[in-house]
Amino acid sequence: MMNKCAADEGVPSRQCEGPLAAYIAGFGALLDARGYAKATERQQLQCVADFSRWLARRRLDVEGVDEGRGTEFVRARRRRRQRGDGATLRALCQHLRQIGVIPAPTPAIETTELSRVEQRFGGYLAQERGLAQATVMNYLPEVRRFLSWRCAAAGAIQLDALRLADVTRFVSRQAQAFRPGRVTVMLTALRSFFRFLRLTGETAIDLASCVLSVADWRLAKVPRGLPAAQVKQLLHHCDQRPLVGQRDHTILLLLARLGLRAGEVVRLTLDDIDWETGTLVVRGKGRRHDRMPLPCDVGKALATYVRQGRPPCGLRQVFICARAPRRGFTSSGAVCTIVRRALARAGLHPPSTGAHLLRHTLGTELLRRGASLTKIGEILRHRHPDTTAIYAKVDLRALRAVAPPWPGGAA
């Protein structure tokens, strides 16, 4: 079977034979929409053409295509194997599923007792408690670690046999290996898990109230920010001439001027920007949406990036990866990496280099300008006043006024 359209995509028509010939042109259009370079696109289409001929020699039709068959082909290719062939065929399978040519893969179902307990707990968190997927993904590994440790010690998972001594020994061992913040997440996950067991009747003991706490006081740390001069230095050293520089500069402005979290930058969409009213909808923690005014410099940077720097694509996320395939950021780690690289370019080496550094910078700068803690909490969109109270520690003038005299010091 031949496909004339495939020749326009860079693959000779004589090679477009086999059960995939009718779908190569559509796959090529998909690669082009994802922003791949022409040379890369030709290489991937050649791989698909070779795969199609390989299927034809084995008298296999398109219904037999899946990731396993692609892996078999890559292993058999040997001399003509190219880097990225596996990823190309996985993308091809996704494309064929989206257009309804091959069925969706059957998810692998774990049948171990540990996996069944974990799946039921995950469903409880998502459906009954309504927790965000990110929270569920944070809790499940902690519960799996506890159950694996208990299973290794007892030889089997016996939920009704769990006792306070088991929890105490496990927490004591983990507290020595991890930082207090990580241990706090683990304890929260365990408390939620034990409430789930009590609710479902798996255990009659209220283990949730017996979980120990760790000494990790919320107000023990001082927020670390940058001086105003260093913020200017950071923005000045961000070269906006390349398109990726426009993107990074816009992200840095959102972090520094509005105090956005890294995840909020990732979730920002074109529909969240109201150009007429000069406002921005921020999709914050806990599915909270807040409308904030858009400063002139931030709005100008956003407009420049959307018009000139943002790759043309059908995605609604504002910030798109510079390299193909064109897609939005998948995690807050990408934003933190942008901040770290910007700090290195500017020659700045603060103790903290994540995206939250600029959020703390905005909070401390507002306090220095005389803003109240209530106003700072509104700008940073804190849920509880206690979260904003940590910024009182950087107001040294106010602290000196209330500090008692040092014993033996001058009157």
Protein backbone atom coordinates (compact mmCIF):
# COMPACT_ATOMS: atom_id res chain seq x y z
CA MET A 1 0.00 0.00 0.00
CA MET A 2 1.39 3.37 -0.97
CA ASN A 3 0.87 6.83 0.48
CA LYS A 4 1.54 9.73 -1.89
CA CYS A 5 1.15 12.36 0.80
CA ALA A 6 4.02 10.91 2.78
CA ALA A 7 6.48 12.04 0.14
CA ASP A 8 5.67 15.64 1.02
CA GLU A 9 6.65 14.97 4.63
CA GLY A 10 10.23 14.01 3.74
CA VAL A 11 9.98 10.21 3.38
CA PRO A 12 10.42 8.74 -0.13
CA SER A 13 7.12 7.29 -1.33
CA ARG A 14 8.75 3.96 -2.25
CA GLN A 15 9.44 3.39 1.46
CA CYS A 16 5.89 4.14 2.59
CA GLU A 17 4.62 0.63 2.28
CA GLY A 18 2.79 -1.62 4.68
CA PRO A 19 -0.09 -1.25 7.16
CA LEU A 20 1.05 2.18 8.41
CA ALA A 21 1.25 3.85 4.99
CA ALA A 22 -2.19 5.46 5.34
CA TYR A 23 -1.24 7.11 8.65
CA ILE A 24 2.28 8.40 8.01
CA ALA A 25 1.12 11.74 6.59
CA GLY A 26 -1.09 12.39 9.62
CA PHE A 27 1.74 11.48 11.97
CA GLY A 28 4.03 13.83 10.06
CA ALA A 29 1.52 16.66 10.48
CA LEU A 30 1.48 15.92 14.21
CA LEU A 31 5.28 16.12 14.40
CA ASP A 32 5.22 19.41 12.51
CA ALA A 33 2.61 20.82 14.90
CA ARG A 34 4.79 19.82 17.84
CA GLY A 35 7.62 21.96 16.53
CA TYR A 36 10.20 19.37 15.54
CA ALA A 37 12.99 20.41 13.21
CA LYS A 38 12.66 19.13 9.64
CA ALA A 39 15.70 16.87 10.00
CA THR A 40 14.30 15.31 13.18
CA GLU A 41 10.90 14.98 11.55
CA ARG A 42 12.39 13.14 8.56
CA GLN A 43 14.29 10.80 10.86
CA GLN A 44 11.15 9.91 12.81
CA LEU A 45 9.07 9.40 9.66
CA GLN A 46 11.78 7.15 8.25
CA CYS A 47 11.60 5.08 11.42
CA VAL A 48 7.82 4.75 11.04
CA ALA A 49 8.21 3.78 7.37
CA ASP A 50 10.74 1.10 8.27
CA PHE A 51 8.43 -0.13 11.02
CA SER A 52 5.57 -0.36 8.52
CA ARG A 53 7.65 -2.45 6.11
CA TRP A 54 8.77 -4.66 9.02
CA LEU A 55 5.11 -5.27 9.93
CA ALA A 56 4.27 -6.08 6.29
CA ARG A 57 7.03 -8.70 6.09
CA ARG A 58 5.50 -10.39 9.13
CA ARG A 59 2.01 -10.05 7.67
CA LEU A 60 0.80 -7.99 10.60
CA ASP A 61 -1.88 -5.32 10.20
CA VAL A 62 -2.25 -2.02 12.01
CA GLU A 63 -4.51 -3.53 14.67
CA GLY A 64 -1.50 -5.44 15.98
CA VAL A 65 0.57 -2.30 16.62
CA ASP A 66 1.40 -1.47 20.23
CA GLU A 67 4.39 -0.48 22.36
CA GLY A 68 5.50 -4.07 22.72
CA ARG A 69 5.61 -4.56 18.97
CA GLY A 70 7.57 -1.33 18.63
CA THR A 71 10.13 -2.50 21.18
CA GLU A 72 10.50 -5.76 19.26
CA PHE A 73 11.14 -3.81 16.05
CA VAL A 74 13.75 -1.52 17.64
CA ARG A 75 15.66 -4.52 19.00
CA ALA A 76 15.59 -6.20 15.59
CA ARG A 77 16.70 -3.06 13.73
CA ARG A 78 20.32 -3.14 15.01
CA ARG A 79 22.43 -1.45 12.30
CA ARG A 80 19.83 1.18 11.38
CA ARG A 81 18.81 1.85 14.96
CA GLN A 82 18.70 5.55 15.80
CA ARG A 83 18.54 7.27 19.12
CA GLY A 84 14.92 8.06 19.90
CA ASP A 85 13.35 5.28 17.83
CA GLY A 86 11.55 3.92 20.88
CA ALA A 87 10.11 7.33 21.73
CA THR A 88 9.02 7.81 18.11
CA LEU A 89 7.06 4.55 18.08
CA ARG A 90 5.48 5.31 21.45
CA ALA A 91 4.30 8.65 20.06
CA LEU A 92 2.99 6.81 16.99
CA CYS A 93 0.95 4.46 19.19
CA GLN A 94 -0.53 7.43 21.05
CA HIS A 95 -1.45 9.05 17.74
CA LEU A 96 -3.11 5.89 16.45
CA ARG A 97 -5.14 5.61 19.65
CA GLN A 98 -6.24 9.24 19.47
CA ILE A 99 -7.62 8.76 15.95
CA GLY A 100 -9.29 5.48 16.95
CA VAL A 101 -7.19 3.10 14.88
CA ILE A 102 -5.95 0.92 17.75
CA PRO A 103 -7.58 0.39 21.16
CA ALA A 104 -6.37 1.90 24.40
CA PRO A 105 -3.95 -0.32 26.33
CA THR A 106 -5.34 -2.37 29.17
CA PRO A 107 -3.82 -1.02 32.38
CA ALA A 108 -1.79 -3.48 34.37
CA ILE A 109 -3.62 -4.38 37.56
CA GLU A 110 -1.45 -5.28 40.49
CA THR A 111 -2.84 -8.22 42.41
CA THR A 112 -0.70 -8.09 45.53
CA GLU A 113 -2.34 -7.32 48.84
CA LEU A 114 -0.10 -4.28 49.24
CA SER A 115 -1.20 -2.79 45.90
CA ARG A 116 -4.89 -3.44 46.62
CA VAL A 117 -4.68 -1.63 49.95
CA GLU A 118 -2.81 1.24 48.32
CA GLN A 119 -5.37 1.54 45.51
CA ARG A 120 -8.30 1.58 47.92
CA PHE A 121 -6.63 4.24 50.04
CA GLY A 122 -5.85 6.33 46.93
CA GLY A 123 -9.49 6.13 45.85
CA TYR A 124 -10.61 7.21 49.32
CA LEU A 125 -8.32 10.25 49.25
CA ALA A 126 -9.43 11.34 45.78
CA GLN A 127 -13.16 10.57 45.98
CA GLU A 128 -14.15 10.79 49.63
CA ARG A 129 -11.70 13.42 50.81
CA GLY A 130 -11.52 15.30 47.50
CA LEU A 131 -7.75 15.81 47.75
CA ALA A 132 -5.73 17.06 44.81
CA GLN A 133 -3.89 14.49 42.73
CA ALA A 134 -0.54 15.92 43.81
CA THR A 135 -1.45 15.37 47.47
CA VAL A 136 -2.53 11.80 46.77
CA MET A 137 0.76 11.13 45.01
CA ASN A 138 2.63 12.48 48.04
CA TYR A 139 0.73 10.30 50.51
CA LEU A 140 0.75 6.95 48.72
CA PRO A 141 4.55 6.36 48.73
CA GLU A 142 4.66 7.01 52.49
CA VAL A 143 1.93 4.47 53.15
CA ARG A 144 3.58 1.97 50.81
CA ARG A 145 6.88 2.41 52.67
CA PHE A 146 5.20 1.75 56.01
CA LEU A 147 3.29 -1.31 54.78
CA SER A 148 6.38 -2.72 53.07
CA TRP A 149 8.36 -2.33 56.29
CA ARG A 150 5.56 -3.93 58.31
CA CYS A 151 5.21 -6.76 55.79
CA ALA A 152 8.97 -7.43 55.88
CA ALA A 153 8.86 -7.57 59.69
CA ALA A 154 5.71 -9.68 60.05
CA GLY A 155 5.85 -11.70 56.82
CA ALA A 156 2.38 -10.56 55.69
CA ILE A 157 0.09 -7.54 55.73
CA GLN A 158 -2.32 -7.87 58.62
CA LEU A 159 -4.07 -4.55 59.00
CA ASP A 160 -6.06 -5.67 62.03
CA ALA A 161 -2.79 -6.62 63.74
CA LEU A 162 -1.25 -3.13 63.53
CA ARG A 163 -0.28 -1.75 66.94
CA LEU A 164 1.08 1.48 68.34
CA ALA A 165 4.52 -0.11 68.79
CA ASP A 166 4.74 -0.73 65.03
CA VAL A 167 3.99 2.88 64.24
CA THR A 168 6.39 4.21 66.86
CA ARG A 169 9.30 2.05 65.66
CA PHE A 170 8.71 2.99 62.04
CA VAL A 171 8.45 6.73 62.73
CA SER A 172 11.56 6.68 64.93
CA ARG A 173 13.61 5.08 62.16
CA GLN A 174 12.34 7.40 59.44
CA ALA A 175 12.80 10.55 61.54
CA GLN A 176 16.53 9.86 61.70
CA ALA A 177 16.87 9.49 57.93
CA PHE A 178 14.84 12.43 56.61
CA ARG A 179 14.48 16.14 57.20
CA PRO A 180 11.71 17.36 59.52
CA GLY A 181 9.61 18.66 56.62
CA ARG A 182 9.65 15.28 54.89
CA VAL A 183 8.84 13.49 58.15
CA THR A 184 5.87 15.81 58.68
CA VAL A 185 4.42 14.77 55.32
CA MET A 186 4.92 11.14 56.25
CA LEU A 187 3.13 11.56 59.58
CA THR A 188 0.20 13.35 57.93
CA ALA A 189 -0.10 10.54 55.39
CA LEU A 190 -0.02 7.89 58.12
CA ARG A 191 -2.68 9.66 60.18
CA SER A 192 -4.93 9.84 57.13
CA PHE A 193 -4.28 6.17 56.38
CA PHE A 194 -5.12 5.06 59.92
CA ARG A 195 -8.35 7.08 59.84
CA PHE A 196 -9.18 5.28 56.60
CA LEU A 197 -8.57 1.89 58.23
CA ARG A 198 -10.77 2.83 61.19
CA LEU A 199 -13.52 4.11 58.88
CA THR A 200 -13.55 0.95 56.77
CA GLY A 201 -13.41 -1.34 59.79
CA GLU A 202 -9.96 -2.74 58.95
CA THR A 203 -8.79 -1.97 62.47
CA ALA A 204 -10.57 -1.25 65.73
CA ILE A 205 -7.71 0.78 67.23
CA ASP A 206 -7.50 4.55 66.78
CA LEU A 207 -3.90 4.63 65.59
CA ALA A 208 -4.26 8.09 64.03
CA SER A 209 -4.32 9.81 67.41
CA CYS A 210 -1.23 7.85 68.50
CA VAL A 211 1.09 9.02 65.71
CA LEU A 212 3.91 11.06 67.17
CA SER A 213 4.81 14.56 66.01
CA VAL A 214 8.21 15.95 65.06
CA ALA A 215 9.87 19.08 66.37
CA ASP A 216 9.39 21.24 63.30
CA TRP A 217 7.98 24.57 64.43
CA ARG A 218 6.38 26.53 61.61
CA LEU A 219 7.77 29.89 62.69
CA ALA A 220 11.26 28.63 63.55
CA LYS A 221 12.77 29.72 60.23
CA VAL A 222 13.34 33.19 58.85
CA PRO A 223 12.16 33.81 55.25
CA ARG A 224 15.18 34.40 53.04
CA GLY A 225 14.83 36.88 50.24
CA LEU A 226 17.00 39.01 47.99
CA PRO A 227 17.69 42.73 48.41
CA ALA A 228 15.95 44.96 45.88
CA ALA A 229 19.27 45.67 44.13
CA GLN A 230 19.87 41.97 43.57
CA VAL A 231 16.38 41.51 42.12
CA LYS A 232 17.19 44.20 39.55
CA GLN A 233 20.50 42.48 38.87
CA LEU A 234 18.70 39.18 38.39
CA LEU A 235 16.27 40.63 35.84
CA HIS A 236 18.98 42.65 34.09
CA HIS A 237 21.10 39.57 33.38
CA CYS A 238 18.19 37.76 31.69
CA ASP A 239 18.88 38.16 27.95
CA GLN A 240 15.54 38.70 26.21
CA ARG A 241 16.86 38.56 22.66
CA PRO A 242 16.36 34.80 22.22
CA LEU A 243 12.77 33.61 22.46
CA VAL A 244 13.53 31.45 25.46
CA GLY A 245 14.96 34.54 27.17
CA GLN A 246 11.63 36.35 26.74
CA ARG A 247 9.87 33.43 28.37
CA ASP A 248 12.27 33.23 31.31
CA HIS A 249 12.20 37.00 31.89
CA THR A 250 8.39 36.95 31.98
CA ILE A 251 8.39 34.09 34.49
CA LEU A 252 10.88 35.91 36.71
CA LEU A 253 8.68 39.02 36.66
CA LEU A 254 5.61 37.01 37.69
CA LEU A 255 7.54 35.50 40.59
CA ALA A 256 9.13 38.76 41.71
CA ARG A 257 6.25 41.23 41.17
CA LEU A 258 3.23 39.08 42.02
CA GLY A 259 4.81 36.49 44.29
CA LEU A 260 3.40 33.55 42.34
CA ARG A 261 4.29 30.02 43.35
CA ALA A 262 6.06 27.83 40.80
CA GLY A 263 2.99 25.63 40.38
CA GLU A 264 0.81 28.68 39.76
CA VAL A 265 3.09 29.73 36.90
CA VAL A 266 2.81 26.23 35.42
CA ARG A 267 -1.01 26.29 35.61
CA LEU A 268 -1.37 29.75 34.08
CA THR A 269 -3.42 29.71 30.86
CA LEU A 270 -4.17 32.25 28.16
CA ASP A 271 -7.77 32.37 29.39
CA ASP A 272 -6.57 33.58 32.80
CA ILE A 273 -5.31 36.88 31.36
CA ASP A 274 -7.89 39.65 31.01
CA TRP A 275 -6.16 42.24 28.85
CA GLU A 276 -9.05 44.71 28.96
CA THR A 277 -9.23 44.97 32.75
CA GLY A 278 -5.53 44.35 33.34
CA THR A 279 -6.09 41.42 35.72
CA LEU A 280 -4.82 37.90 36.08
CA VAL A 281 -6.53 34.82 37.52
CA VAL A 282 -4.13 32.80 39.68
CA ARG A 283 -4.96 29.12 40.16
CA GLY A 284 -3.57 28.61 43.63
CA LYS A 285 -3.38 25.82 46.18
CA GLY A 286 -6.49 23.92 47.14
CA ARG A 287 -8.25 24.73 43.83
CA ARG A 288 -8.45 28.35 44.88
CA HIS A 289 -8.76 31.02 42.16
CA ASP A 290 -7.76 34.61 42.89
CA ARG A 291 -7.95 37.61 40.56
CA MET A 292 -4.95 39.91 40.85
CA PRO A 293 -4.09 43.23 39.19
CA LEU A 294 -1.51 42.95 36.44
CA PRO A 295 1.35 45.48 36.85
CA CYS A 296 2.36 47.34 33.71
CA ASP A 297 5.82 45.79 33.39
CA VAL A 298 4.46 42.28 33.91
CA GLY A 299 1.62 42.85 31.43
CA LYS A 300 4.02 44.24 28.83
CA ALA A 301 6.35 41.26 29.25
CA LEU A 302 3.43 38.82 28.96
CA ALA A 303 2.15 40.52 25.81
CA THR A 304 5.60 40.49 24.21
CA TYR A 305 6.11 36.81 24.98
CA VAL A 306 2.66 35.76 23.75
CA ARG A 307 3.05 37.71 20.50
CA GLN A 308 6.71 37.08 19.72
CA GLY A 309 8.27 34.43 21.96
CA ARG A 310 5.56 31.83 22.47
CA PRO A 311 5.69 29.02 19.87
CA PRO A 312 2.50 28.76 17.79
CA CYS A 313 0.48 25.81 19.06
CA GLY A 314 -3.03 24.85 20.14
CA LEU A 315 -2.17 24.59 23.84
CA ARG A 316 -3.77 26.99 26.30
CA GLN A 317 -0.94 27.01 28.81
CA VAL A 318 0.94 30.30 28.68
CA PHE A 319 4.47 28.95 29.02
CA ILE A 320 5.61 26.36 26.50
CA CYS A 321 8.81 24.31 26.44
CA ALA A 322 11.38 25.66 24.00
CA ARG A 323 12.34 22.25 22.65
CA ALA A 324 10.08 19.91 20.73
CA PRO A 325 7.66 18.41 21.35
CA ARG A 326 5.78 21.60 22.12
CA ARG A 327 4.05 21.17 25.44
CA GLY A 328 3.43 23.11 28.60
CA PHE A 329 5.54 22.71 31.71
CA THR A 330 4.63 19.48 33.45
CA SER A 331 5.86 20.37 36.94
CA SER A 332 7.08 23.23 39.10
CA GLY A 333 10.61 21.89 38.76
CA ALA A 334 10.95 23.60 35.37
CA VAL A 335 10.25 27.01 36.95
CA CYS A 336 12.72 26.35 39.77
CA THR A 337 15.36 25.45 37.19
CA ILE A 338 14.77 28.76 35.38
CA VAL A 339 15.31 30.64 38.66
CA ARG A 340 18.49 28.73 39.49
CA ARG A 341 19.97 29.40 36.05
CA ALA A 342 19.04 33.09 36.27
CA LEU A 343 20.74 33.38 39.67
CA ALA A 344 23.88 31.77 38.29
CA ARG A 345 23.95 34.14 35.29
CA ALA A 346 23.63 37.12 37.63
CA GLY A 347 26.43 35.84 39.87
CA LEU A 348 24.11 35.51 42.87
CA HIS A 349 24.51 32.65 45.33
CA PRO A 350 21.77 32.87 48.00
CA PRO A 351 21.27 29.94 50.42
CA SER A 352 17.97 29.13 48.72
CA THR A 353 17.75 29.02 44.93
CA GLY A 354 14.19 27.81 44.28
CA ALA A 355 11.27 29.77 42.87
CA HIS A 356 9.97 30.44 46.40
CA LEU A 357 12.98 32.70 46.96
CA LEU A 358 11.34 35.47 44.92
CA ARG A 359 8.03 35.00 46.75
CA HIS A 360 9.82 35.53 50.06
CA THR A 361 11.63 38.48 48.50
CA LEU A 362 8.32 40.17 47.70
CA GLY A 363 6.98 39.56 51.21
CA THR A 364 10.04 41.01 52.94
CA GLU A 365 10.18 43.98 50.55
CA LEU A 366 6.52 44.82 51.22
CA LEU A 367 7.21 44.74 54.95
CA ARG A 368 10.18 47.08 54.57
CA ARG A 369 7.93 49.53 52.70
CA GLY A 370 5.52 49.62 55.63
CA ALA A 371 2.84 47.16 54.51
CA SER A 372 0.93 45.40 57.28
CA LEU A 373 1.02 41.64 57.73
CA THR A 374 -2.64 41.54 56.73
CA LYS A 375 -1.88 43.30 53.45
CA ILE A 376 1.07 41.00 52.77
CA GLY A 377 -1.14 37.98 53.40
CA GLU A 378 -3.67 39.28 50.86
CA ILE A 379 -1.02 39.85 48.19
CA LEU A 380 0.61 36.46 48.75
CA ARG A 381 -2.83 34.84 49.02
CA HIS A 382 -2.21 33.11 52.34
CA ARG A 383 -5.12 31.14 53.72
CA HIS A 384 -4.22 31.64 57.39
CA PRO A 385 -2.71 34.67 59.16
CA ASP A 386 -0.19 32.38 60.87
CA THR A 387 1.46 31.79 57.50
CA THR A 388 2.17 35.50 57.11
CA ALA A 389 3.36 35.89 60.72
CA ILE A 390 6.78 34.53 59.78
CA TYR A 391 7.56 37.81 57.98
CA ALA A 392 7.40 39.66 61.30
CA LYS A 393 10.84 38.21 62.01
CA VAL A 394 12.48 40.31 59.31
CA ASP A 395 11.10 43.59 60.71
CA LEU A 396 14.13 44.29 62.91
CA ARG A 397 12.99 47.80 63.91
CA ALA A 398 9.73 46.52 65.34
CA LEU A 399 11.51 43.62 67.05
CA ARG A 400 14.03 45.96 68.72
CA ALA A 401 11.16 47.99 70.16
CA VAL A 402 9.64 44.98 71.93
CA ALA A 403 12.85 43.11 72.79
CA PRO A 404 13.71 43.12 76.55
CA PRO A 405 17.13 44.46 77.55
CA TRP A 406 19.96 41.98 77.66
CA PRO A 407 20.92 41.05 81.25
CA GLY A 408 24.04 42.94 82.27
CA GLY A 409 23.91 45.19 79.22
CA ALA A 410 23.67 48.97 79.08
CA ALA A 411 20.52 50.54 80.49
